[in-house]
Amino acid sequence: MHDRLFQHQKALEPWNGHAEALGLDVAKFEECLESGRHTAAVRGDMAVAQAVGATGTPSFVLGLTDPDDPKKVKGLSFLRGAQPYASFKAAIDSALSDDAD
């Protein structure tokens, strides 16, 4: 479904057409979609993304884990949009040199 939706970004609706094209059980798909059971999680993810400045896809956050507590991550840089290799390399090299200080 992910791949199909990205391939058909200009024609997302009706959603059940995509389910049918993929051979899904359309009735179950519609039931799941209409139930709203995942709405809160999706909206929560959207709120977090907006709070950190991710306004579109792709967005990337580069960070390092704390060696003393691997559950903690130090956010170092944020890359918005499709970027060339050089942008990622510069951000990673900068993060690694900052961490060495």
Protein backbone atom coordinates (compact mmCIF):
# COMPACT_ATOMS: atom_id res chain seq x y z
CA MET A 1 0.00 0.00 0.00
CA HIS A 2 2.84 2.37 0.88
CA ASP A 3 4.44 2.00 -2.54
CA ARG A 4 1.11 2.30 -4.32
CA LEU A 5 0.12 5.48 -2.50
CA PHE A 6 3.45 7.11 -3.30
CA GLN A 7 3.04 6.11 -6.96
CA HIS A 8 -0.46 7.65 -7.06
CA GLN A 9 -0.02 10.76 -4.92
CA LYS A 10 -2.22 12.87 -7.19
CA ALA A 11 -5.10 10.40 -7.01
CA LEU A 12 -5.33 9.12 -3.44
CA GLU A 13 -9.10 9.01 -3.19
CA PRO A 14 -11.06 6.86 -3.22
CA TRP A 15 -8.87 4.87 -0.85
CA ASN A 16 -10.74 1.62 -1.43
CA GLY A 17 -9.66 1.68 -5.09
CA HIS A 18 -6.09 1.17 -3.94
CA ALA A 19 -7.12 -1.64 -1.62
CA GLU A 20 -8.95 -3.33 -4.48
CA ALA A 21 -6.01 -2.91 -6.87
CA LEU A 22 -3.77 -4.65 -4.32
CA GLY A 23 -6.18 -7.53 -3.85
CA LEU A 24 -7.09 -6.62 -0.28
CA ASP A 25 -10.43 -7.45 1.28
CA VAL A 26 -12.07 -4.10 0.51
CA ALA A 27 -14.84 -4.51 3.11
CA LYS A 28 -12.30 -5.15 5.88
CA PHE A 29 -10.14 -2.28 4.63
CA GLU A 30 -13.09 0.14 4.70
CA GLU A 31 -14.14 -1.11 8.14
CA CYS A 32 -10.64 -0.48 9.49
CA LEU A 33 -10.40 2.94 7.85
CA GLU A 34 -13.83 4.06 9.05
CA SER A 35 -13.32 2.74 12.59
CA GLY A 36 -10.82 5.49 13.35
CA ARG A 37 -8.92 3.10 15.62
CA HIS A 38 -5.56 4.44 14.42
CA THR A 39 -6.55 8.11 14.14
CA ALA A 40 -5.14 9.19 17.51
CA ALA A 41 -1.77 7.54 16.82
CA VAL A 42 -1.51 9.11 13.36
CA ARG A 43 -2.46 12.56 14.65
CA GLY A 44 0.02 12.18 17.51
CA ASP A 45 2.82 11.35 15.07
CA MET A 46 1.82 14.35 12.94
CA ALA A 47 1.90 16.65 15.98
CA VAL A 48 5.39 15.48 16.95
CA ALA A 49 6.61 15.95 13.39
CA GLN A 50 5.20 19.48 13.22
CA ALA A 51 6.69 20.34 16.61
CA VAL A 52 10.19 19.48 15.41
CA GLY A 53 9.75 21.21 12.06
CA ALA A 54 9.15 18.21 9.80
CA THR A 55 6.71 19.76 7.38
CA GLY A 56 7.01 17.18 4.64
CA THR A 57 8.71 14.07 3.48
CA PRO A 58 11.40 13.16 3.56
CA SER A 59 12.72 14.66 6.78
CA PHE A 60 15.73 13.35 8.67
CA VAL A 61 17.01 13.86 12.20
CA LEU A 62 20.62 12.98 12.84
CA GLY A 63 21.59 12.29 16.40
CA LEU A 64 23.93 10.38 18.66
CA THR A 65 23.04 8.12 21.54
CA ASP A 66 24.40 8.94 24.97
CA PRO A 67 27.12 6.35 25.75
CA ASP A 68 26.05 6.37 29.40
CA ASP A 69 22.36 5.93 28.59
CA PRO A 70 21.61 4.55 25.11
CA LYS A 71 17.93 5.47 25.56
CA LYS A 72 18.88 9.15 25.39
CA VAL A 73 19.55 10.70 22.02
CA LYS A 74 21.23 14.03 21.43
CA GLY A 75 19.62 15.64 18.38
CA LEU A 76 22.28 17.24 16.30
CA SER A 77 20.81 18.28 13.00
CA PHE A 78 17.66 18.21 10.96
CA LEU A 79 17.59 17.79 7.18
CA ARG A 80 14.42 18.71 5.31
CA GLY A 81 13.60 17.39 1.88
CA ALA A 82 15.57 15.23 -0.48
CA GLN A 83 19.25 16.00 0.00
CA PRO A 84 22.37 14.96 -1.86
CA TYR A 85 24.95 12.67 -0.28
CA ALA A 86 27.21 15.67 0.44
CA SER A 87 24.60 17.21 2.75
CA PHE A 88 24.31 14.03 4.81
CA LYS A 89 28.08 13.60 4.90
CA ALA A 90 28.58 17.18 6.12
CA ALA A 91 25.92 16.79 8.83
CA ILE A 92 27.33 13.44 10.00
CA ASP A 93 30.93 14.68 9.95
CA SER A 94 29.87 17.75 11.96
CA ALA A 95 28.01 15.62 14.50
CA LEU A 96 30.95 13.31 14.94
CA SER A 97 33.43 16.18 15.35
CA ASP A 98 31.13 17.93 17.88
CA ASP A 99 30.87 14.67 19.85
CA ALA A 100 34.66 14.30 19.95
CA ASP A 101 35.03 17.64 21.78
